[in-house]
């Protein structure tokens, strides 16, 4: 698997295209949403007709980004070019996979090491701490000047995927780009409050449910938490309100891995996996058809909740043996 940045090659495809579709991944986070919207705004300055797609609802915290309300999941149009953004494999397009058959050319920009390079042109770099950094490079390759709206989108992408510039993956490039974004009148204090400090009531109520389910395993080196679909109904919570709850399990001293199991309406179980370096969970997630990063991955398991937790927990325990 080649992990290579190809901004110039993708820039060539963009220049030749008139209609462009941009697709983010299911259960969208700040990196996929911010990256898609930054690229959309940039391409529109070139006169391109750009449509943005995502299977699931955009989190409310990202509603401040220009164009966030334009995401959709249906179209009978044909596109000159489809670019998948922060989508680690085709299954992560979810219901938007139909776009692959409705585009004359396909490309992707991504930073997941598990990416199988599923499009015609693949610009993938697992050493990039966020896809937002690759989007900034792509905009530069197209000669597009970053304005305030693009800067807000890029900040949301980079800051959320680096844990507000705190994860080990954060590198000098992230800070260098951040310096450039600050020159664009970025409303840093306002965005930081919304993205990292503000807590909606459903999230807080859901957090209480998750913490009450906290269990320790394998000499207290692994934690598990569970949220049933009924928990979401009782708390009037959406899937986005469970974001980052898994970190409460992995941030306990002595814990090496954490699991948050979330029951979906259809009975499937969404697993969020975390690890502390040097341990990793990407291989565990791949074993269940998922993927992600070494210390932050996910997968969906089609088993009853208790059985799903038992299966993934066993894989986590075996990774230590």
C-alpha atoms as a PDB file:
ATOM      1  CA  UNK A   1       0.000   0.000   0.000  1.00  0.00           C
ATOM      2  CA  UNK A   2       1.536   3.275  -1.115  1.00  0.00           C
ATOM      3  CA  UNK A   3       1.042   6.163   1.268  1.00  0.00           C
ATOM      4  CA  UNK A   4       1.862   9.159  -0.873  1.00  0.00           C
ATOM      5  CA  UNK A   5       0.653  12.737  -1.046  1.00  0.00           C
ATOM      6  CA  UNK A   6      -0.419  13.654  -4.575  1.00  0.00           C
ATOM      7  CA  UNK A   7      -1.712  17.246  -4.418  1.00  0.00           C
ATOM      8  CA  UNK A   8      -0.436  18.143  -7.896  1.00  0.00           C
ATOM      9  CA  UNK A   9      -2.044  15.107  -9.533  1.00  0.00           C
ATOM     10  CA  UNK A  10      -5.373  15.797  -7.838  1.00  0.00           C
ATOM     11  CA  UNK A  11      -5.029  19.487  -8.735  1.00  0.00           C
ATOM     12  CA  UNK A  12      -4.839  18.394 -12.372  1.00  0.00           C
ATOM     13  CA  UNK A  13      -8.080  16.436 -12.051  1.00  0.00           C
ATOM     14  CA  UNK A  14      -9.769  19.399 -10.379  1.00  0.00           C
ATOM     15  CA  UNK A  15      -8.697  21.825 -13.085  1.00  0.00           C
ATOM     16  CA  UNK A  16     -10.184  19.549 -15.755  1.00  0.00           C
ATOM     17  CA  UNK A  17     -13.493  19.069 -13.896  1.00  0.00           C
ATOM     18  CA  UNK A  18     -16.539  21.304 -13.937  1.00  0.00           C
ATOM     19  CA  UNK A  19     -18.828  19.394 -11.552  1.00  0.00           C
ATOM     20  CA  UNK A  20     -17.260  17.938  -8.413  1.00  0.00           C
ATOM     21  CA  UNK A  21     -18.719  15.810  -5.603  1.00  0.00           C
ATOM     22  CA  UNK A  22     -17.010  15.746  -2.202  1.00  0.00           C
ATOM     23  CA  UNK A  23     -17.872  12.926   0.219  1.00  0.00           C
ATOM     24  CA  UNK A  24     -17.172  12.639   3.942  1.00  0.00           C
ATOM     25  CA  UNK A  25     -17.355   9.518   6.077  1.00  0.00           C
ATOM     26  CA  UNK A  26     -20.255   8.083   8.072  1.00  0.00           C
ATOM     27  CA  UNK A  27     -20.709   9.397  11.626  1.00  0.00           C
ATOM     28  CA  UNK A  28     -18.915  12.598  10.575  1.00  0.00           C
ATOM     29  CA  UNK A  29     -16.374  14.252  12.821  1.00  0.00           C
ATOM     30  CA  UNK A  30     -14.616  17.589  12.709  1.00  0.00           C
ATOM     31  CA  UNK A  31     -11.860  16.422  10.382  1.00  0.00           C
ATOM     32  CA  UNK A  32     -14.085  15.068   7.619  1.00  0.00           C
ATOM     33  CA  UNK A  33     -16.620  17.924   7.827  1.00  0.00           C
ATOM     34  CA  UNK A  34     -14.056  20.710   8.125  1.00  0.00           C
ATOM     35  CA  UNK A  35     -11.905  19.229   5.364  1.00  0.00           C
ATOM     36  CA  UNK A  36     -14.812  18.767   2.945  1.00  0.00           C
ATOM     37  CA  UNK A  37     -16.101  22.289   3.524  1.00  0.00           C
ATOM     38  CA  UNK A  38     -12.680  23.949   3.280  1.00  0.00           C
ATOM     39  CA  UNK A  39     -12.099  22.192  -0.045  1.00  0.00           C
ATOM     40  CA  UNK A  40     -15.617  23.063  -1.243  1.00  0.00           C
ATOM     41  CA  UNK A  41     -15.161  26.763  -0.479  1.00  0.00           C
ATOM     42  CA  UNK A  42     -11.783  26.770  -2.187  1.00  0.00           C
ATOM     43  CA  UNK A  43     -12.997  25.016  -5.329  1.00  0.00           C
ATOM     44  CA  UNK A  44     -15.917  27.401  -5.643  1.00  0.00           C
ATOM     45  CA  UNK A  45     -13.470  30.296  -5.934  1.00  0.00           C
ATOM     46  CA  UNK A  46     -12.254  28.538  -9.100  1.00  0.00           C
ATOM     47  CA  UNK A  47     -15.772  28.526 -10.524  1.00  0.00           C
ATOM     48  CA  UNK A  48     -16.398  24.834  -9.906  1.00  0.00           C
ATOM     49  CA  UNK A  49     -19.880  23.483  -9.188  1.00  0.00           C
ATOM     50  CA  UNK A  50     -19.385  21.569  -5.934  1.00  0.00           C
ATOM     51  CA  UNK A  51     -21.807  19.258  -4.098  1.00  0.00           C
ATOM     52  CA  UNK A  52     -21.089  17.791  -0.640  1.00  0.00           C
ATOM     53  CA  UNK A  53     -22.303  14.427   0.615  1.00  0.00           C
ATOM     54  CA  UNK A  54     -22.434  12.493   3.878  1.00  0.00           C
ATOM     55  CA  UNK A  55     -24.656   9.639   5.025  1.00  0.00           C
ATOM     56  CA  UNK A  56     -25.259  11.003   8.513  1.00  0.00           C
ATOM     57  CA  UNK A  57     -26.267  14.259  10.139  1.00  0.00           C
ATOM     58  CA  UNK A  58     -23.528  16.818  10.725  1.00  0.00           C
ATOM     59  CA  UNK A  59     -22.844  17.388  14.462  1.00  0.00           C
ATOM     60  CA  UNK A  60     -24.391  20.555  15.811  1.00  0.00           C
ATOM     61  CA  UNK A  61     -21.028  21.824  17.073  1.00  0.00           C
ATOM     62  CA  UNK A  62     -19.906  22.106  13.448  1.00  0.00           C
ATOM     63  CA  UNK A  63     -22.933  24.123  12.376  1.00  0.00           C
ATOM     64  CA  UNK A  64     -20.817  27.294  12.607  1.00  0.00           C
ATOM     65  CA  UNK A  65     -18.889  26.234   9.491  1.00  0.00           C
ATOM     66  CA  UNK A  66     -20.026  27.797   6.235  1.00  0.00           C
ATOM     67  CA  UNK A  67     -21.832  25.249   4.075  1.00  0.00           C
ATOM     68  CA  UNK A  68     -22.501  22.734   6.878  1.00  0.00           C
ATOM     69  CA  UNK A  69     -26.215  22.721   6.023  1.00  0.00           C
ATOM     70  CA  UNK A  70     -25.548  21.695   2.400  1.00  0.00           C
ATOM     71  CA  UNK A  71     -24.592  18.040   3.007  1.00  0.00           C
ATOM     72  CA  UNK A  72     -26.937  15.481   1.453  1.00  0.00           C
ATOM     73  CA  UNK A  73     -27.027  11.769   0.678  1.00  0.00           C
ATOM     74  CA  UNK A  74     -29.021  11.534  -2.543  1.00  0.00           C
ATOM     75  CA  UNK A  75     -28.368  12.584  -6.125  1.00  0.00           C
ATOM     76  CA  UNK A  76     -29.119  11.377  -9.642  1.00  0.00           C
ATOM     77  CA  UNK A  77     -26.462  13.702 -11.119  1.00  0.00           C
ATOM     78  CA  UNK A  78     -23.286  12.657 -12.853  1.00  0.00           C
ATOM     79  CA  UNK A  79     -20.071  14.322 -11.755  1.00  0.00           C
ATOM     80  CA  UNK A  80     -16.839  14.921 -13.575  1.00  0.00           C
ATOM     81  CA  UNK A  81     -14.927  14.145 -10.386  1.00  0.00           C
ATOM     82  CA  UNK A  82     -15.580  12.570  -6.989  1.00  0.00           C
ATOM     83  CA  UNK A  83     -13.159  13.256  -4.132  1.00  0.00           C
ATOM     84  CA  UNK A  84     -13.559  11.232  -0.929  1.00  0.00           C
ATOM     85  CA  UNK A  85     -12.229  13.207   2.021  1.00  0.00           C
ATOM     86  CA  UNK A  86     -10.990  11.521   5.235  1.00  0.00           C
ATOM     87  CA  UNK A  87     -12.746   8.291   4.154  1.00  0.00           C
ATOM     88  CA  UNK A  88     -10.453   5.416   5.119  1.00  0.00           C
ATOM     89  CA  UNK A  89     -12.165   2.815   2.912  1.00  0.00           C
ATOM     90  CA  UNK A  90     -15.141   2.699   0.550  1.00  0.00           C
ATOM     91  CA  UNK A  91     -17.466   1.178   3.163  1.00  0.00           C
ATOM     92  CA  UNK A  92     -17.000   4.355   5.224  1.00  0.00           C
ATOM     93  CA  UNK A  93     -18.920   6.218   2.527  1.00  0.00           C
ATOM     94  CA  UNK A  94     -21.974   4.338   3.754  1.00  0.00           C
ATOM     95  CA  UNK A  95     -25.088   5.049   1.714  1.00  0.00           C
ATOM     96  CA  UNK A  96     -23.084   7.514  -0.392  1.00  0.00           C
ATOM     97  CA  UNK A  97     -21.177   4.735  -2.156  1.00  0.00           C
ATOM     98  CA  UNK A  98     -23.506   5.273  -5.132  1.00  0.00           C
ATOM     99  CA  UNK A  99     -21.320   8.279  -5.993  1.00  0.00           C
ATOM    100  CA  UNK A 100     -18.524   5.977  -7.158  1.00  0.00           C
ATOM    101  CA  UNK A 101     -20.679   4.896 -10.123  1.00  0.00           C
ATOM    102  CA  UNK A 102     -21.832   8.428 -10.912  1.00  0.00           C
ATOM    103  CA  UNK A 103     -18.400  10.021 -11.324  1.00  0.00           C
ATOM    104  CA  UNK A 104     -16.163   9.931 -14.398  1.00  0.00           C
ATOM    105  CA  UNK A 105     -13.012  10.177 -12.246  1.00  0.00           C
ATOM    106  CA  UNK A 106     -12.433   9.331  -8.568  1.00  0.00           C
ATOM    107  CA  UNK A 107      -9.813  10.493  -6.091  1.00  0.00           C
ATOM    108  CA  UNK A 108      -9.332  10.673  -2.352  1.00  0.00           C
ATOM    109  CA  UNK A 109      -7.451  12.682   0.258  1.00  0.00           C
ATOM    110  CA  UNK A 110      -6.943  10.848   3.549  1.00  0.00           C
ATOM    111  CA  UNK A 111      -4.560  10.175   6.444  1.00  0.00           C
ATOM    112  CA  UNK A 112      -5.493   6.683   7.666  1.00  0.00           C
ATOM    113  CA  UNK A 113      -2.771   4.041   7.509  1.00  0.00           C
ATOM    114  CA  UNK A 114      -5.364   1.296   6.960  1.00  0.00           C
ATOM    115  CA  UNK A 115      -6.538   2.913   3.698  1.00  0.00           C
ATOM    116  CA  UNK A 116      -6.570   0.347   0.824  1.00  0.00           C
ATOM    117  CA  UNK A 117      -6.277   3.074  -1.872  1.00  0.00           C
ATOM    118  CA  UNK A 118      -9.690   2.421  -3.415  1.00  0.00           C
ATOM    119  CA  UNK A 119      -9.951   5.351  -5.874  1.00  0.00           C
ATOM    120  CA  UNK A 120      -8.187   6.070  -9.170  1.00  0.00           C
ATOM    121  CA  UNK A 121      -5.909   8.689  -7.595  1.00  0.00           C
ATOM    122  CA  UNK A 122      -5.029   8.267  -3.915  1.00  0.00           C
ATOM    123  CA  UNK A 123      -3.395  11.031  -1.905  1.00  0.00           C
ATOM    124  CA  UNK A 124      -2.879   9.317   1.450  1.00  0.00           C
ATOM    125  CA  UNK A 125      -0.388  10.051   4.228  1.00  0.00           C
ATOM    126  CA  UNK A 126      -0.736   8.270   7.564  1.00  0.00           C
ATOM    127  CA  UNK A 127       1.889  10.554   9.099  1.00  0.00           C
ATOM    128  CA  UNK A 128      -0.413  13.558   8.685  1.00  0.00           C
ATOM    129  CA  UNK A 129      -2.183  14.098  12.034  1.00  0.00           C
ATOM    130  CA  UNK A 130      -5.341  15.298  10.269  1.00  0.00           C
ATOM    131  CA  UNK A 131      -6.762  15.240   6.767  1.00  0.00           C
ATOM    132  CA  UNK A 132      -7.232  18.989   7.177  1.00  0.00           C
ATOM    133  CA  UNK A 133      -3.473  19.432   6.723  1.00  0.00           C
ATOM    134  CA  UNK A 134      -3.634  17.601   3.394  1.00  0.00           C
ATOM    135  CA  UNK A 135      -6.541  19.803   2.336  1.00  0.00           C
ATOM    136  CA  UNK A 136      -4.497  22.923   3.139  1.00  0.00           C
ATOM    137  CA  UNK A 137      -1.717  21.510   0.965  1.00  0.00           C
ATOM    138  CA  UNK A 138      -4.255  20.794  -1.788  1.00  0.00           C
ATOM    139  CA  UNK A 139      -5.587  24.342  -1.691  1.00  0.00           C
ATOM    140  CA  UNK A 140      -2.009  25.645  -1.876  1.00  0.00           C
ATOM    141  CA  UNK A 141      -1.336  23.439  -4.907  1.00  0.00           C
ATOM    142  CA  UNK A 142      -4.332  25.048  -6.611  1.00  0.00           C
ATOM    143  CA  UNK A 143      -3.114  28.551  -5.775  1.00  0.00           C
ATOM    144  CA  UNK A 144      -6.163  29.270  -3.618  1.00  0.00           C
ATOM    145  CA  UNK A 145      -5.792  31.964  -0.952  1.00  0.00           C
ATOM    146  CA  UNK A 146      -7.251  30.945   2.415  1.00  0.00           C
ATOM    147  CA  UNK A 147     -10.007  33.238   3.674  1.00  0.00           C
ATOM    148  CA  UNK A 148     -11.653  33.395   7.106  1.00  0.00           C
ATOM    149  CA  UNK A 149     -14.365  30.812   6.323  1.00  0.00           C
ATOM    150  CA  UNK A 150     -11.828  28.328   4.958  1.00  0.00           C
ATOM    151  CA  UNK A 151      -9.596  28.951   7.972  1.00  0.00           C
ATOM    152  CA  UNK A 152     -12.467  28.123  10.334  1.00  0.00           C
ATOM    153  CA  UNK A 153     -13.097  24.860   8.486  1.00  0.00           C
ATOM    154  CA  UNK A 154      -9.417  23.905   8.520  1.00  0.00           C
ATOM    155  CA  UNK A 155      -9.074  24.733  12.214  1.00  0.00           C
ATOM    156  CA  UNK A 156     -12.082  22.547  13.047  1.00  0.00           C
ATOM    157  CA  UNK A 157     -10.534  19.707  11.041  1.00  0.00           C
ATOM    158  CA  UNK A 158      -7.011  19.915  12.434  1.00  0.00           C
ATOM    159  CA  UNK A 159      -7.836  20.797  16.034  1.00  0.00           C
ATOM    160  CA  UNK A 160     -10.425  18.054  16.515  1.00  0.00           C
ATOM    161  CA  UNK A 161      -8.252  15.275  15.057  1.00  0.00           C
ATOM    162  CA  UNK A 162      -5.195  16.282  17.086  1.00  0.00           C
ATOM    163  CA  UNK A 163      -7.092  16.529  20.372  1.00  0.00           C
ATOM    164  CA  UNK A 164      -6.677  20.298  20.288  1.00  0.00           C
ATOM    165  CA  UNK A 165      -2.986  19.863  19.352  1.00  0.00           C
ATOM    166  CA  UNK A 166      -2.331  17.433  22.217  1.00  0.00           C
ATOM    167  CA  UNK A 167      -2.122  13.975  20.608  1.00  0.00           C
ATOM    168  CA  UNK A 168       1.232  12.341  19.897  1.00  0.00           C
ATOM    169  CA  UNK A 169       0.519  12.581  16.164  1.00  0.00           C
ATOM    170  CA  UNK A 170       0.606  16.394  16.338  1.00  0.00           C
ATOM    171  CA  UNK A 171       3.641  17.596  14.410  1.00  0.00           C
ATOM    172  CA  UNK A 172       5.392  20.794  13.359  1.00  0.00           C
ATOM    173  CA  UNK A 173       3.316  20.988  10.175  1.00  0.00           C
ATOM    174  CA  UNK A 174       0.145  21.267  12.257  1.00  0.00           C
ATOM    175  CA  UNK A 175       1.509  24.263  14.154  1.00  0.00           C
ATOM    176  CA  UNK A 176       2.887  25.855  10.990  1.00  0.00           C
ATOM    177  CA  UNK A 177      -0.514  25.671   9.312  1.00  0.00           C
ATOM    178  CA  UNK A 178      -2.177  26.909  12.484  1.00  0.00           C
ATOM    179  CA  UNK A 179       0.035  29.989  12.368  1.00  0.00           C
ATOM    180  CA  UNK A 180      -1.196  30.698   8.834  1.00  0.00           C
ATOM    181  CA  UNK A 181      -4.823  30.240   9.894  1.00  0.00           C
ATOM    182  CA  UNK A 182      -4.385  32.780  12.672  1.00  0.00           C
ATOM    183  CA  UNK A 183      -3.446  35.342  10.022  1.00  0.00           C
ATOM    184  CA  UNK A 184      -6.941  34.892   8.529  1.00  0.00           C
ATOM    185  CA  UNK A 185      -8.768  36.465  11.493  1.00  0.00           C
ATOM    186  CA  UNK A 186      -9.631  33.040  12.906  1.00  0.00           C
ATOM    187  CA  UNK A 187     -12.111  33.363  15.837  1.00  0.00           C
ATOM    188  CA  UNK A 188     -10.024  31.017  17.971  1.00  0.00           C
ATOM    189  CA  UNK A 189     -11.606  31.653  21.386  1.00  0.00           C
ATOM    190  CA  UNK A 190     -15.167  31.225  20.124  1.00  0.00           C
ATOM    191  CA  UNK A 191     -14.418  28.060  18.146  1.00  0.00           C
ATOM    192  CA  UNK A 192     -12.345  26.530  20.941  1.00  0.00           C
ATOM    193  CA  UNK A 193     -15.206  27.018  23.391  1.00  0.00           C
ATOM    194  CA  UNK A 194     -17.767  25.384  21.095  1.00  0.00           C
ATOM    195  CA  UNK A 195     -15.542  22.517  19.964  1.00  0.00           C
ATOM    196  CA  UNK A 196     -13.801  21.596  23.222  1.00  0.00           C
ATOM    197  CA  UNK A 197     -15.456  23.121  26.289  1.00  0.00           C
ATOM    198  CA  UNK A 198     -19.161  23.437  25.601  1.00  0.00           C
ATOM    199  CA  UNK A 199     -21.187  20.399  26.726  1.00  0.00           C
ATOM    200  CA  UNK A 200     -24.780  19.903  25.647  1.00  0.00           C
ATOM    201  CA  UNK A 201     -27.237  18.525  28.183  1.00  0.00           C
ATOM    202  CA  UNK A 202     -27.822  15.203  26.339  1.00  0.00           C
ATOM    203  CA  UNK A 203     -24.052  14.606  26.263  1.00  0.00           C
ATOM    204  CA  UNK A 204     -23.705  15.159  30.018  1.00  0.00           C
ATOM    205  CA  UNK A 205     -26.634  12.843  30.780  1.00  0.00           C
ATOM    206  CA  UNK A 206     -25.242  10.206  28.427  1.00  0.00           C
ATOM    207  CA  UNK A 207     -21.805  10.518  30.031  1.00  0.00           C
ATOM    208  CA  UNK A 208     -23.364   9.725  33.415  1.00  0.00           C
ATOM    209  CA  UNK A 209     -24.892   6.546  31.974  1.00  0.00           C
ATOM    210  CA  UNK A 210     -21.592   5.494  30.400  1.00  0.00           C
ATOM    211  CA  UNK A 211     -19.540   6.101  33.531  1.00  0.00           C
ATOM    212  CA  UNK A 212     -22.011   4.090  35.613  1.00  0.00           C
ATOM    213  CA  UNK A 213     -21.264   1.129  33.317  1.00  0.00           C
ATOM    214  CA  UNK A 214     -17.473   1.453  33.624  1.00  0.00           C
ATOM    215  CA  UNK A 215     -15.733  -1.879  34.226  1.00  0.00           C
ATOM    216  CA  UNK A 216     -12.049  -2.809  34.591  1.00  0.00           C
ATOM    217  CA  UNK A 217     -10.439  -5.912  33.062  1.00  0.00           C
ATOM    218  CA  UNK A 218      -7.080  -7.691  32.846  1.00  0.00           C
ATOM    219  CA  UNK A 219      -5.577  -6.311  36.048  1.00  0.00           C
ATOM    220  CA  UNK A 220      -7.221  -2.933  35.429  1.00  0.00           C
ATOM    221  CA  UNK A 221      -5.342  -2.329  32.157  1.00  0.00           C
ATOM    222  CA  UNK A 222      -8.520  -2.342  30.021  1.00  0.00           C
ATOM    223  CA  UNK A 223     -11.812  -0.526  30.595  1.00  0.00           C
ATOM    224  CA  UNK A 224     -15.199  -1.032  28.993  1.00  0.00           C
ATOM    225  CA  UNK A 225     -18.304   1.150  28.950  1.00  0.00           C
ATOM    226  CA  UNK A 226     -21.645   0.462  27.290  1.00  0.00           C
ATOM    227  CA  UNK A 227     -24.544   2.594  26.105  1.00  0.00           C
ATOM    228  CA  UNK A 228     -27.807   0.967  25.093  1.00  0.00           C
ATOM    229  CA  UNK A 229     -30.169   2.418  22.520  1.00  0.00           C
ATOM    230  CA  UNK A 230     -32.566   2.998  25.406  1.00  0.00           C
ATOM    231  CA  UNK A 231     -29.920   5.178  27.064  1.00  0.00           C
ATOM    232  CA  UNK A 232     -29.968   7.431  23.999  1.00  0.00           C
ATOM    233  CA  UNK A 233     -33.771   7.605  24.089  1.00  0.00           C
ATOM    234  CA  UNK A 234     -33.855   8.373  27.813  1.00  0.00           C
ATOM    235  CA  UNK A 235     -31.231  11.113  27.469  1.00  0.00           C
ATOM    236  CA  UNK A 236     -32.733  12.468  24.223  1.00  0.00           C
ATOM    237  CA  UNK A 237     -29.233  12.048  22.809  1.00  0.00           C
ATOM    238  CA  UNK A 238     -27.873  11.620  19.289  1.00  0.00           C
ATOM    239  CA  UNK A 239     -24.857   9.496  18.271  1.00  0.00           C
ATOM    240  CA  UNK A 240     -22.715  12.649  18.191  1.00  0.00           C
ATOM    241  CA  UNK A 241     -23.343  13.119  21.925  1.00  0.00           C
ATOM    242  CA  UNK A 242     -21.285   9.966  22.588  1.00  0.00           C
ATOM    243  CA  UNK A 243     -18.191  11.434  20.918  1.00  0.00           C
ATOM    244  CA  UNK A 244     -15.091  11.398  23.147  1.00  0.00           C
ATOM    245  CA  UNK A 245     -16.789   9.554  26.022  1.00  0.00           C
ATOM    246  CA  UNK A 246     -14.447   6.607  25.430  1.00  0.00           C
ATOM    247  CA  UNK A 247     -11.533   8.854  26.438  1.00  0.00           C
ATOM    248  CA  UNK A 248     -12.739   8.859  30.030  1.00  0.00           C
ATOM    249  CA  UNK A 249     -11.918   5.156  30.107  1.00  0.00           C
ATOM    250  CA  UNK A 250      -8.441   5.399  28.603  1.00  0.00           C
ATOM    251  CA  UNK A 251      -7.318   8.483  30.555  1.00  0.00           C
ATOM    252  CA  UNK A 252      -7.314   6.612  33.886  1.00  0.00           C
ATOM    253  CA  UNK A 253      -3.715   6.033  35.135  1.00  0.00           C
ATOM    254  CA  UNK A 254      -2.621   2.445  34.480  1.00  0.00           C
ATOM    255  CA  UNK A 255      -5.199   1.812  31.742  1.00  0.00           C
ATOM    256  CA  UNK A 256      -3.713   0.818  28.378  1.00  0.00           C
ATOM    257  CA  UNK A 257      -6.871   0.276  26.300  1.00  0.00           C
ATOM    258  CA  UNK A 258     -10.497   1.361  26.447  1.00  0.00           C
ATOM    259  CA  UNK A 259     -13.719   0.323  24.728  1.00  0.00           C
ATOM    260  CA  UNK A 260     -17.047   2.149  24.438  1.00  0.00           C
ATOM    261  CA  UNK A 261     -19.824  -0.018  23.000  1.00  0.00           C
ATOM    262  CA  UNK A 262     -22.838   1.893  21.663  1.00  0.00           C
ATOM    263  CA  UNK A 263     -26.026   0.116  20.586  1.00  0.00           C
ATOM    264  CA  UNK A 264     -27.579   1.465  17.384  1.00  0.00           C
ATOM    265  CA  UNK A 265     -31.292   1.527  16.591  1.00  0.00           C
ATOM    266  CA  UNK A 266     -30.894  -1.446  14.225  1.00  0.00           C
ATOM    267  CA  UNK A 267     -29.266  -3.528  16.958  1.00  0.00           C
ATOM    268  CA  UNK A 268     -25.720  -3.308  15.622  1.00  0.00           C
ATOM    269  CA  UNK A 269     -23.008  -2.267  18.057  1.00  0.00           C
ATOM    270  CA  UNK A 270     -20.668   0.627  17.290  1.00  0.00           C
ATOM    271  CA  UNK A 271     -17.316   0.191  19.023  1.00  0.00           C
ATOM    272  CA  UNK A 272     -14.955   3.037  19.844  1.00  0.00           C
ATOM    273  CA  UNK A 273     -11.457   1.778  20.716  1.00  0.00           C
ATOM    274  CA  UNK A 274      -8.601   3.726  22.295  1.00  0.00           C
ATOM    275  CA  UNK A 275      -5.069   2.817  23.359  1.00  0.00           C
ATOM    276  CA  UNK A 276      -2.089   4.422  25.035  1.00  0.00           C
ATOM    277  CA  UNK A 277       1.207   4.318  23.098  1.00  0.00           C
ATOM    278  CA  UNK A 278       2.906   1.898  22.428  1.00  0.00           C
ATOM    279  CA  UNK A 279      -0.228  -0.264  22.471  1.00  0.00           C
ATOM    280  CA  UNK A 280      -2.519   0.022  19.456  1.00  0.00           C
ATOM    281  CA  UNK A 281      -6.068  -0.878  18.504  1.00  0.00           C
ATOM    282  CA  UNK A 282      -6.172  -0.462  14.718  1.00  0.00           C
ATOM    283  CA  UNK A 283      -5.456  -4.159  14.152  1.00  0.00           C
ATOM    284  CA  UNK A 284      -8.216  -5.111  16.583  1.00  0.00           C
ATOM    285  CA  UNK A 285     -10.678  -2.873  14.733  1.00  0.00           C
ATOM    286  CA  UNK A 286      -9.640  -4.353  11.375  1.00  0.00           C
ATOM    287  CA  UNK A 287     -10.366  -7.813  12.736  1.00  0.00           C
ATOM    288  CA  UNK A 288     -13.999  -6.763  13.078  1.00  0.00           C
ATOM    289  CA  UNK A 289     -14.221  -5.017   9.710  1.00  0.00           C
ATOM    290  CA  UNK A 290     -13.318  -1.563  11.000  1.00  0.00           C
ATOM    291  CA  UNK A 291     -10.192   0.553  11.007  1.00  0.00           C
ATOM    292  CA  UNK A 292      -8.669   3.851  11.998  1.00  0.00           C
ATOM    293  CA  UNK A 293      -5.499   4.943  13.708  1.00  0.00           C
ATOM    294  CA  UNK A 294      -3.064   3.087  15.956  1.00  0.00           C
ATOM    295  CA  UNK A 295      -4.424   4.615  19.155  1.00  0.00           C
ATOM    296  CA  UNK A 296      -7.965   5.523  18.003  1.00  0.00           C
ATOM    297  CA  UNK A 297     -10.059   3.146  15.912  1.00  0.00           C
ATOM    298  CA  UNK A 298     -13.584   1.872  15.554  1.00  0.00           C
ATOM    299  CA  UNK A 299     -15.746  -0.901  14.145  1.00  0.00           C
ATOM    300  CA  UNK A 300     -19.329  -2.121  14.019  1.00  0.00           C
ATOM    301  CA  UNK A 301     -20.225  -5.584  15.327  1.00  0.00           C
ATOM    302  CA  UNK A 302     -23.478  -7.338  14.434  1.00  0.00           C
ATOM    303  CA  UNK A 303     -23.981  -9.241  17.677  1.00  0.00           C
ATOM    304  CA  UNK A 304     -26.122  -8.645  20.771  1.00  0.00           C
ATOM    305  CA  UNK A 305     -24.562  -5.987  22.994  1.00  0.00           C
ATOM    306  CA  UNK A 306     -23.131  -8.295  25.691  1.00  0.00           C
ATOM    307  CA  UNK A 307     -21.730 -10.732  23.106  1.00  0.00           C
ATOM    308  CA  UNK A 308     -20.203  -7.918  21.063  1.00  0.00           C
ATOM    309  CA  UNK A 309     -18.432  -6.488  24.103  1.00  0.00           C
ATOM    310  CA  UNK A 310     -17.174  -9.948  25.070  1.00  0.00           C
ATOM    311  CA  UNK A 311     -15.792 -10.581  21.571  1.00  0.00           C
ATOM    312  CA  UNK A 312     -13.947  -7.277  21.229  1.00  0.00           C
ATOM    313  CA  UNK A 313     -12.713  -7.383  24.832  1.00  0.00           C
ATOM    314  CA  UNK A 314     -11.250 -10.846  24.184  1.00  0.00           C
ATOM    315  CA  UNK A 315      -9.384  -9.478  21.165  1.00  0.00           C
ATOM    316  CA  UNK A 316      -8.044  -6.598  23.265  1.00  0.00           C
ATOM    317  CA  UNK A 317      -6.878  -8.972  25.973  1.00  0.00           C
ATOM    318  CA  UNK A 318      -5.258 -11.289  23.429  1.00  0.00           C
ATOM    319  CA  UNK A 319      -3.290  -8.379  21.981  1.00  0.00           C
ATOM    320  CA  UNK A 320      -1.351  -8.260  25.254  1.00  0.00           C
ATOM    321  CA  UNK A 321      -0.473 -11.980  25.115  1.00  0.00           C
END
